[in-house]
């Protein structure tokens, strides 16, 4: 279990260190509220933690299904577009 936990930490850390949509939203919203970063991080955790648990408990093969990948791709793309539009 420790190697899996270590790999999750390393992968998560690499995602935190690279600027991306979450970083852009945090920067854009943080000047309005001192709690914006906390709320954005919690919102991100709501998605990440169940996904990590699903993969850990053997549901990784579920994500190899082409329909599941399509649905996740469309949902993720829609979210990024929504974030971009709402920032403007």
PDB file of N, CA and C in Angstrom:
ATOM      1  N   UNK A   1       0.819  -1.188   0.000  1.00  0.00           N
ATOM      2  CA  UNK A   1       0.000   0.000   0.000  1.00  0.00           C
ATOM      3  C   UNK A   1       0.869   1.261   0.000  1.00  0.00           C
ATOM      4  N   UNK A   2       2.022   1.216   0.650  1.00  0.00           N
ATOM      5  CA  UNK A   2       2.890   2.386   0.708  1.00  0.00           C
ATOM      6  C   UNK A   2       3.364   2.832  -0.674  1.00  0.00           C
ATOM      7  N   UNK A   3       3.773   1.907  -1.572  1.00  0.00           N
ATOM      8  CA  UNK A   3       4.192   2.370  -2.908  1.00  0.00           C
ATOM      9  C   UNK A   3       3.067   3.080  -3.668  1.00  0.00           C
ATOM     10  N   UNK A   4       1.845   2.603  -3.513  1.00  0.00           N
ATOM     11  CA  UNK A   4       0.716   3.253  -4.186  1.00  0.00           C
ATOM     12  C   UNK A   4       0.495   4.642  -3.597  1.00  0.00           C
ATOM     13  N   UNK A   5       0.539   4.743  -2.288  1.00  0.00           N
ATOM     14  CA  UNK A   5       0.362   6.039  -1.631  1.00  0.00           C
ATOM     15  C   UNK A   5       1.461   7.011  -2.050  1.00  0.00           C
ATOM     16  N   UNK A   6       2.678   6.526  -2.115  1.00  0.00           N
ATOM     17  CA  UNK A   6       3.794   7.375  -2.532  1.00  0.00           C
ATOM     18  C   UNK A   6       3.618   7.852  -3.970  1.00  0.00           C
ATOM     19  N   UNK A   7       3.181   6.959  -4.851  1.00  0.00           N
ATOM     20  CA  UNK A   7       2.975   7.369  -6.247  1.00  0.00           C
ATOM     21  C   UNK A   7       1.841   8.386  -6.361  1.00  0.00           C
ATOM     22  N   UNK A   8       0.786   8.238  -5.571  1.00  0.00           N
ATOM     23  CA  UNK A   8      -0.309   9.218  -5.581  1.00  0.00           C
ATOM     24  C   UNK A   8       0.200  10.577  -5.107  1.00  0.00           C
ATOM     25  N   UNK A   9       1.020  10.583  -4.079  1.00  0.00           N
ATOM     26  CA  UNK A   9       1.569  11.842  -3.568  1.00  0.00           C
ATOM     27  C   UNK A   9       2.457  12.507  -4.609  1.00  0.00           C
ATOM     28  N   UNK A  10       3.321  11.735  -5.258  1.00  0.00           N
ATOM     29  CA  UNK A  10       4.226  12.302  -6.267  1.00  0.00           C
ATOM     30  C   UNK A  10       3.442  12.844  -7.450  1.00  0.00           C
ATOM     31  N   UNK A  11       2.463  12.094  -7.927  1.00  0.00           N
ATOM     32  CA  UNK A  11       1.658  12.548  -9.062  1.00  0.00           C
ATOM     33  C   UNK A  11       0.852  13.786  -8.682  1.00  0.00           C
ATOM     34  N   UNK A  12       0.272  13.781  -7.502  1.00  0.00           N
ATOM     35  CA  UNK A  12      -0.497  14.945  -7.048  1.00  0.00           C
ATOM     36  C   UNK A  12       0.402  16.167  -6.899  1.00  0.00           C
ATOM     37  N   UNK A  13       1.594  15.966  -6.367  1.00  0.00           N
ATOM     38  CA  UNK A  13       2.521  17.077  -6.196  1.00  0.00           C
ATOM     39  C   UNK A  13       2.925  17.666  -7.545  1.00  0.00           C
ATOM     40  N   UNK A  14       3.147  16.795  -8.528  1.00  0.00           N
ATOM     41  CA  UNK A  14       3.511  17.310  -9.855  1.00  0.00           C
ATOM     42  C   UNK A  14       2.360  18.108 -10.455  1.00  0.00           C
ATOM     43  N   UNK A  15       1.139  17.722 -10.187  1.00  0.00           N
ATOM     44  CA  UNK A  15      -0.007  18.485 -10.669  1.00  0.00           C
ATOM     45  C   UNK A  15      -0.152  19.820  -9.974  1.00  0.00           C
ATOM     46  N   UNK A  16       0.205  19.867  -8.703  1.00  0.00           N
ATOM     47  CA  UNK A  16       0.124  21.114  -7.946  1.00  0.00           C
ATOM     48  C   UNK A  16       1.194  22.095  -8.410  1.00  0.00           C
ATOM     49  N   UNK A  17       2.346  21.599  -8.764  1.00  0.00           N
ATOM     50  CA  UNK A  17       3.459  22.470  -9.130  1.00  0.00           C
ATOM     51  C   UNK A  17       3.303  23.084 -10.524  1.00  0.00           C
ATOM     52  N   UNK A  18       2.510  22.487 -11.383  1.00  0.00           N
ATOM     53  CA  UNK A  18       2.330  23.011 -12.734  1.00  0.00           C
ATOM     54  C   UNK A  18       1.117  23.923 -12.783  1.00  0.00           C
ATOM     55  N   UNK A  19       1.262  25.114 -13.349  1.00  0.00           N
ATOM     56  CA  UNK A  19       0.084  25.978 -13.464  1.00  0.00           C
ATOM     57  C   UNK A  19      -0.905  25.406 -14.474  1.00  0.00           C
ATOM     58  N   UNK A  20      -2.147  25.512 -14.156  1.00  0.00           N
ATOM     59  CA  UNK A  20      -3.193  25.002 -15.029  1.00  0.00           C
ATOM     60  C   UNK A  20      -4.500  25.700 -14.730  1.00  0.00           C
ATOM     61  N   UNK A  21      -5.610  25.091 -15.121  1.00  0.00           N
ATOM     62  CA  UNK A  21      -6.913  25.727 -14.915  1.00  0.00           C
ATOM     63  C   UNK A  21      -7.227  26.003 -13.446  1.00  0.00           C
ATOM     64  N   UNK A  22      -6.876  25.072 -12.562  1.00  0.00           N
ATOM     65  CA  UNK A  22      -7.161  25.289 -11.139  1.00  0.00           C
ATOM     66  C   UNK A  22      -6.355  26.476 -10.600  1.00  0.00           C
ATOM     67  N   UNK A  23      -5.118  26.575 -11.020  1.00  0.00           N
ATOM     68  CA  UNK A  23      -4.270  27.686 -10.590  1.00  0.00           C
ATOM     69  C   UNK A  23      -4.817  29.010 -11.116  1.00  0.00           C
ATOM     70  N   UNK A  24      -5.242  29.013 -12.374  1.00  0.00           N
ATOM     71  CA  UNK A  24      -5.783  30.236 -12.973  1.00  0.00           C
ATOM     72  C   UNK A  24      -7.054  30.688 -12.258  1.00  0.00           C
ATOM     73  N   UNK A  25      -7.927  29.752 -11.950  1.00  0.00           N
ATOM     74  CA  UNK A  25      -9.168  30.096 -11.241  1.00  0.00           C
ATOM     75  C   UNK A  25      -8.852  30.595  -9.834  1.00  0.00           C
ATOM     76  N   UNK A  26      -7.913  29.951  -9.165  1.00  0.00           N
ATOM     77  CA  UNK A  26      -7.539  30.385  -7.818  1.00  0.00           C
ATOM     78  C   UNK A  26      -6.998  31.812  -7.833  1.00  0.00           C
ATOM     79  N   UNK A  27      -6.143  32.111  -8.804  1.00  0.00           N
ATOM     80  CA  UNK A  27      -5.625  33.479  -8.911  1.00  0.00           C
ATOM     81  C   UNK A  27      -6.739  34.478  -9.200  1.00  0.00           C
ATOM     82  N   UNK A  28      -7.631  34.109 -10.104  1.00  0.00           N
ATOM     83  CA  UNK A  28      -8.699  35.031 -10.499  1.00  0.00           C
ATOM     84  C   UNK A  28      -9.682  35.301  -9.362  1.00  0.00           C
ATOM     85  N   UNK A  29      -9.957  34.303  -8.556  1.00  0.00           N
ATOM     86  CA  UNK A  29     -10.972  34.446  -7.506  1.00  0.00           C
ATOM     87  C   UNK A  29     -10.407  34.883  -6.155  1.00  0.00           C
ATOM     88  N   UNK A  30      -9.113  34.715  -5.947  1.00  0.00           N
ATOM     89  CA  UNK A  30      -8.556  34.956  -4.614  1.00  0.00           C
ATOM     90  C   UNK A  30      -8.565  36.423  -4.203  1.00  0.00           C
ATOM     91  N   UNK A  31      -8.596  37.332  -5.136  1.00  0.00           N
ATOM     92  CA  UNK A  31      -8.632  38.745  -4.743  1.00  0.00           C
ATOM     93  C   UNK A  31     -10.014  39.164  -4.251  1.00  0.00           C
ATOM     94  N   UNK A  32     -11.037  38.369  -4.545  1.00  0.00           N
ATOM     95  CA  UNK A  32     -12.396  38.691  -4.102  1.00  0.00           C
ATOM     96  C   UNK A  32     -12.695  38.164  -2.703  1.00  0.00           C
ATOM     97  N   UNK A  33     -12.082  37.051  -2.359  1.00  0.00           N
ATOM     98  CA  UNK A  33     -12.386  36.424  -1.075  1.00  0.00           C
ATOM     99  C   UNK A  33     -11.148  35.727  -0.526  1.00  0.00           C
ATOM    100  N   UNK A  34     -10.874  35.891   0.762  1.00  0.00           N
ATOM    101  CA  UNK A  34      -9.729  35.189   1.344  1.00  0.00           C
ATOM    102  C   UNK A  34      -9.965  33.676   1.438  1.00  0.00           C
ATOM    103  N   UNK A  35     -11.203  33.262   1.323  1.00  0.00           N
ATOM    104  CA  UNK A  35     -11.544  31.840   1.402  1.00  0.00           C
ATOM    105  C   UNK A  35     -11.641  31.174   0.039  1.00  0.00           C
ATOM    106  N   UNK A  36     -11.419  31.895  -1.028  1.00  0.00           N
ATOM    107  CA  UNK A  36     -11.578  31.337  -2.374  1.00  0.00           C
ATOM    108  C   UNK A  36     -10.664  30.137  -2.599  1.00  0.00           C
ATOM    109  N   UNK A  37      -9.421  30.239  -2.173  1.00  0.00           N
ATOM    110  CA  UNK A  37      -8.485  29.129  -2.352  1.00  0.00           C
ATOM    111  C   UNK A  37      -8.927  27.877  -1.625  1.00  0.00           C
ATOM    112  N   UNK A  38      -9.455  28.056  -0.430  1.00  0.00           N
ATOM    113  CA  UNK A  38      -9.931  26.910   0.356  1.00  0.00           C
ATOM    114  C   UNK A  38     -11.106  26.242  -0.347  1.00  0.00           C
ATOM    115  N   UNK A  39     -12.059  27.047  -0.820  1.00  0.00           N
ATOM    116  CA  UNK A  39     -13.232  26.488  -1.490  1.00  0.00           C
ATOM    117  C   UNK A  39     -12.853  25.800  -2.801  1.00  0.00           C
ATOM    118  N   UNK A  40     -11.933  26.374  -3.531  1.00  0.00           N
ATOM    119  CA  UNK A  40     -11.490  25.761  -4.789  1.00  0.00           C
ATOM    120  C   UNK A  40     -10.772  24.448  -4.507  1.00  0.00           C
ATOM    121  N   UNK A  41      -9.916  24.424  -3.491  1.00  0.00           N
ATOM    122  CA  UNK A  41      -9.213  23.192  -3.130  1.00  0.00           C
ATOM    123  C   UNK A  41     -10.184  22.111  -2.672  1.00  0.00           C
ATOM    124  N   UNK A  42     -11.184  22.489  -1.883  1.00  0.00           N
ATOM    125  CA  UNK A  42     -12.184  21.508  -1.443  1.00  0.00           C
ATOM    126  C   UNK A  42     -12.993  20.977  -2.620  1.00  0.00           C
ATOM    127  N   UNK A  43     -13.350  21.863  -3.530  1.00  0.00           N
ATOM    128  CA  UNK A  43     -14.071  21.424  -4.724  1.00  0.00           C
ATOM    129  C   UNK A  43     -13.252  20.463  -5.558  1.00  0.00           C
ATOM    130  N   UNK A  44     -11.966  20.726  -5.661  1.00  0.00           N
ATOM    131  CA  UNK A  44     -11.079  19.832  -6.404  1.00  0.00           C
ATOM    132  C   UNK A  44     -10.957  18.488  -5.693  1.00  0.00           C
ATOM    133  N   UNK A  45     -10.873  18.519  -4.366  1.00  0.00           N
ATOM    134  CA  UNK A  45     -10.758  17.285  -3.588  1.00  0.00           C
ATOM    135  C   UNK A  45     -12.008  16.423  -3.712  1.00  0.00           C
ATOM    136  N   UNK A  46     -13.162  17.060  -3.848  1.00  0.00           N
ATOM    137  CA  UNK A  46     -14.422  16.315  -3.998  1.00  0.00           C
ATOM    138  C   UNK A  46     -14.366  15.422  -5.240  1.00  0.00           C
ATOM    139  N   UNK A  47     -13.672  15.873  -6.261  1.00  0.00           N
ATOM    140  CA  UNK A  47     -13.529  15.076  -7.486  1.00  0.00           C
ATOM    141  C   UNK A  47     -12.360  14.102  -7.375  1.00  0.00           C
ATOM    142  N   UNK A  48     -11.234  14.551  -6.876  1.00  0.00           N
ATOM    143  CA  UNK A  48     -10.014  13.746  -6.863  1.00  0.00           C
ATOM    144  C   UNK A  48     -10.071  12.555  -5.908  1.00  0.00           C
ATOM    145  N   UNK A  49     -10.566  12.757  -4.708  1.00  0.00           N
ATOM    146  CA  UNK A  49     -10.532  11.688  -3.709  1.00  0.00           C
ATOM    147  C   UNK A  49     -11.352  10.471  -4.141  1.00  0.00           C
ATOM    148  N   UNK A  50     -12.599  10.624  -4.597  1.00  0.00           N
ATOM    149  CA  UNK A  50     -13.316   9.435  -5.073  1.00  0.00           C
ATOM    150  C   UNK A  50     -12.631   8.762  -6.263  1.00  0.00           C
ATOM    151  N   UNK A  51     -12.035   9.554  -7.145  1.00  0.00           N
ATOM    152  CA  UNK A  51     -11.342   8.987  -8.296  1.00  0.00           C
ATOM    153  C   UNK A  51     -10.135   8.169  -7.854  1.00  0.00           C
ATOM    154  N   UNK A  52      -9.369   8.680  -6.918  1.00  0.00           N
ATOM    155  CA  UNK A  52      -8.216   7.948  -6.391  1.00  0.00           C
ATOM    156  C   UNK A  52      -8.669   6.663  -5.713  1.00  0.00           C
ATOM    157  N   UNK A  53      -9.748   6.728  -4.943  1.00  0.00           N
ATOM    158  CA  UNK A  53     -10.258   5.527  -4.271  1.00  0.00           C
ATOM    159  C   UNK A  53     -10.763   4.491  -5.265  1.00  0.00           C
ATOM    160  N   UNK A  54     -11.449   4.942  -6.304  1.00  0.00           N
ATOM    161  CA  UNK A  54     -11.922   4.005  -7.328  1.00  0.00           C
ATOM    162  C   UNK A  54     -10.756   3.290  -7.999  1.00  0.00           C
ATOM    163  N   UNK A  55      -9.730   4.030  -8.344  1.00  0.00           N
ATOM    164  CA  UNK A  55      -8.565   3.422  -8.982  1.00  0.00           C
ATOM    165  C   UNK A  55      -7.871   2.474  -8.012  1.00  0.00           C
ATOM    166  N   UNK A  56      -7.745   2.881  -6.767  1.00  0.00           N
ATOM    167  CA  UNK A  56      -7.080   2.052  -5.766  1.00  0.00           C
ATOM    168  C   UNK A  56      -7.809   0.723  -5.568  1.00  0.00           C
ATOM    169  N   UNK A  57      -9.126   0.751  -5.553  1.00  0.00           N
ATOM    170  CA  UNK A  57      -9.888  -0.465  -5.300  1.00  0.00           C
ATOM    171  C   UNK A  57     -10.190  -1.274  -6.558  1.00  0.00           C
ATOM    172  N   UNK A  58      -9.499  -0.997  -7.642  1.00  0.00           N
ATOM    173  CA  UNK A  58      -9.562  -1.863  -8.807  1.00  0.00           C
ATOM    174  C   UNK A  58     -10.499  -1.445  -9.910  1.00  0.00           C
ATOM    175  N   UNK A  59     -10.985  -0.238  -9.876  1.00  0.00           N
ATOM    176  CA  UNK A  59     -11.884   0.210 -10.926  1.00  0.00           C
ATOM    177  C   UNK A  59     -11.143   0.852 -12.093  1.00  0.00           C
ATOM    178  N   UNK A  60      -9.822   0.692 -12.143  1.00  0.00           N
ATOM    179  CA  UNK A  60      -9.034   1.296 -13.222  1.00  0.00           C
ATOM    180  C   UNK A  60      -9.486   0.768 -14.578  1.00  0.00           C
ATOM    181  N   UNK A  61      -9.867  -0.507 -14.642  1.00  0.00           N
ATOM    182  CA  UNK A  61     -10.312  -1.072 -15.918  1.00  0.00           C
ATOM    183  C   UNK A  61     -11.592  -0.402 -16.418  1.00  0.00           C
ATOM    184  N   UNK A  62     -12.391   0.123 -15.510  1.00  0.00           N
ATOM    185  CA  UNK A  62     -13.603   0.856 -15.869  1.00  0.00           C
ATOM    186  C   UNK A  62     -13.260   2.071 -16.721  1.00  0.00           C
ATOM    187  N   UNK A  63     -12.131   2.716 -16.425  1.00  0.00           N
ATOM    188  CA  UNK A  63     -11.734   3.919 -17.144  1.00  0.00           C
ATOM    189  C   UNK A  63     -11.100   3.615 -18.501  1.00  0.00           C
ATOM    190  N   UNK A  64     -10.896   2.347 -18.814  1.00  0.00           N
ATOM    191  CA  UNK A  64     -10.377   1.971 -20.134  1.00  0.00           C
ATOM    192  C   UNK A  64     -11.505   1.812 -21.153  1.00  0.00           C
ATOM    193  N   UNK A  65     -12.732   1.840 -20.699  1.00  0.00           N
ATOM    194  CA  UNK A  65     -13.893   1.742 -21.581  1.00  0.00           C
ATOM    195  C   UNK A  65     -13.988   3.010 -22.427  1.00  0.00           C
ATOM    196  N   UNK A  66     -14.178   2.844 -23.746  1.00  0.00           N
ATOM    197  CA  UNK A  66     -14.180   4.005 -24.646  1.00  0.00           C
ATOM    198  C   UNK A  66     -15.360   4.944 -24.386  1.00  0.00           C
ATOM    199  N   UNK A  67     -16.501   4.417 -23.991  1.00  0.00           N
ATOM    200  CA  UNK A  67     -17.659   5.274 -23.703  1.00  0.00           C
ATOM    201  C   UNK A  67     -17.397   6.107 -22.445  1.00  0.00           C
ATOM    202  N   UNK A  68     -16.832   5.482 -21.432  1.00  0.00           N
ATOM    203  CA  UNK A  68     -16.511   6.198 -20.196  1.00  0.00           C
ATOM    204  C   UNK A  68     -15.492   7.294 -20.484  1.00  0.00           C
ATOM    205  N   UNK A  69     -14.490   6.976 -21.296  1.00  0.00           N
ATOM    206  CA  UNK A  69     -13.484   7.982 -21.654  1.00  0.00           C
ATOM    207  C   UNK A  69     -14.114   9.142 -22.412  1.00  0.00           C
ATOM    208  N   UNK A  70     -15.038   8.846 -23.307  1.00  0.00           N
ATOM    209  CA  UNK A  70     -15.703   9.902 -24.067  1.00  0.00           C
ATOM    210  C   UNK A  70     -16.512  10.804 -23.138  1.00  0.00           C
ATOM    211  N   UNK A  71     -17.280  10.200 -22.246  1.00  0.00           N
ATOM    212  CA  UNK A  71     -18.095  10.984 -21.312  1.00  0.00           C
ATOM    213  C   UNK A  71     -17.203  11.855 -20.421  1.00  0.00           C
ATOM    214  N   UNK A  72     -16.125  11.281 -19.896  1.00  0.00           N
ATOM    215  CA  UNK A  72     -15.218  12.054 -19.050  1.00  0.00           C
ATOM    216  C   UNK A  72     -14.525  13.163 -19.834  1.00  0.00           C
ATOM    217  N   UNK A  73     -14.172  12.893 -21.083  1.00  0.00           N
ATOM    218  CA  UNK A  73     -13.529  13.915 -21.917  1.00  0.00           C
ATOM    219  C   UNK A  73     -14.471  15.073 -22.198  1.00  0.00           C
ATOM    220  N   UNK A  74     -15.710  14.763 -22.544  1.00  0.00           N
ATOM    221  CA  UNK A  74     -16.690  15.815 -22.826  1.00  0.00           C
ATOM    222  C   UNK A  74     -16.982  16.615 -21.555  1.00  0.00           C
ATOM    223  N   UNK A  75     -17.145  15.927 -20.436  1.00  0.00           N
ATOM    224  CA  UNK A  75     -17.419  16.625 -19.170  1.00  0.00           C
ATOM    225  C   UNK A  75     -16.238  17.506 -18.765  1.00  0.00           C
ATOM    226  N   UNK A  76     -15.035  16.995 -18.888  1.00  0.00           N
ATOM    227  CA  UNK A  76     -13.849  17.781 -18.551  1.00  0.00           C
ATOM    228  C   UNK A  76     -13.663  18.968 -19.467  1.00  0.00           C
ATOM    229  N   UNK A  77     -13.902  18.762 -20.756  1.00  0.00           N
ATOM    230  CA  UNK A  77     -13.800  19.868 -21.715  1.00  0.00           C
ATOM    231  C   UNK A  77     -14.837  20.939 -21.420  1.00  0.00           C
ATOM    232  N   UNK A  78     -16.041  20.507 -21.117  1.00  0.00           N
ATOM    233  CA  UNK A  78     -17.099  21.458 -20.775  1.00  0.00           C
ATOM    234  C   UNK A  78     -16.757  22.260 -19.536  1.00  0.00           C
ATOM    235  N   UNK A  79     -16.160  21.598 -18.563  1.00  0.00           N
ATOM    236  CA  UNK A  79     -15.772  22.295 -17.327  1.00  0.00           C
ATOM    237  C   UNK A  79     -14.706  23.344 -17.601  1.00  0.00           C
ATOM    238  N   UNK A  80     -13.713  22.998 -18.406  1.00  0.00           N
ATOM    239  CA  UNK A  80     -12.647  23.954 -18.723  1.00  0.00           C
ATOM    240  C   UNK A  80     -13.197  25.129 -19.519  1.00  0.00           C
ATOM    241  N   UNK A  81     -14.093  24.864 -20.458  1.00  0.00           N
ATOM    242  CA  UNK A  81     -14.718  25.949 -21.225  1.00  0.00           C
ATOM    243  C   UNK A  81     -15.534  26.840 -20.294  1.00  0.00           C
ATOM    244  N   UNK A  82     -16.309  26.233 -19.404  1.00  0.00           N
ATOM    245  CA  UNK A  82     -17.111  27.007 -18.450  1.00  0.00           C
ATOM    246  C   UNK A  82     -16.219  27.881 -17.562  1.00  0.00           C
ATOM    247  N   UNK A  83     -15.101  27.316 -17.089  1.00  0.00           N
ATOM    248  CA  UNK A  83     -14.180  28.101 -16.270  1.00  0.00           C
ATOM    249  C   UNK A  83     -13.631  29.290 -17.052  1.00  0.00           C
ATOM    250  N   UNK A  84     -13.265  29.059 -18.307  1.00  0.00           N
ATOM    251  CA  UNK A  84     -12.735  30.139 -19.134  1.00  0.00           C
ATOM    252  C   UNK A  84     -13.755  31.226 -19.399  1.00  0.00           C
ATOM    253  N   UNK A  85     -14.982  30.838 -19.687  1.00  0.00           N
ATOM    254  CA  UNK A  85     -16.039  31.816 -19.973  1.00  0.00           C
ATOM    255  C   UNK A  85     -16.400  32.593 -18.710  1.00  0.00           C
ATOM    256  N   UNK A  86     -16.472  31.906 -17.577  1.00  0.00           N
ATOM    257  CA  UNK A  86     -16.874  32.583 -16.339  1.00  0.00           C
ATOM    258  C   UNK A  86     -15.800  33.531 -15.813  1.00  0.00           C
ATOM    259  N   UNK A  87     -14.562  33.353 -16.229  1.00  0.00           N
ATOM    260  CA  UNK A  87     -13.494  34.256 -15.791  1.00  0.00           C
ATOM    261  C   UNK A  87     -13.527  35.579 -16.545  1.00  0.00           C
ATOM    262  N   UNK A  88     -14.114  35.572 -17.723  1.00  0.00           N
ATOM    263  CA  UNK A  88     -14.095  36.762 -18.577  1.00  0.00           C
ATOM    264  C   UNK A  88     -15.117  37.744 -18.286  1.00  0.00           C
TER     265      UNK A  88
END
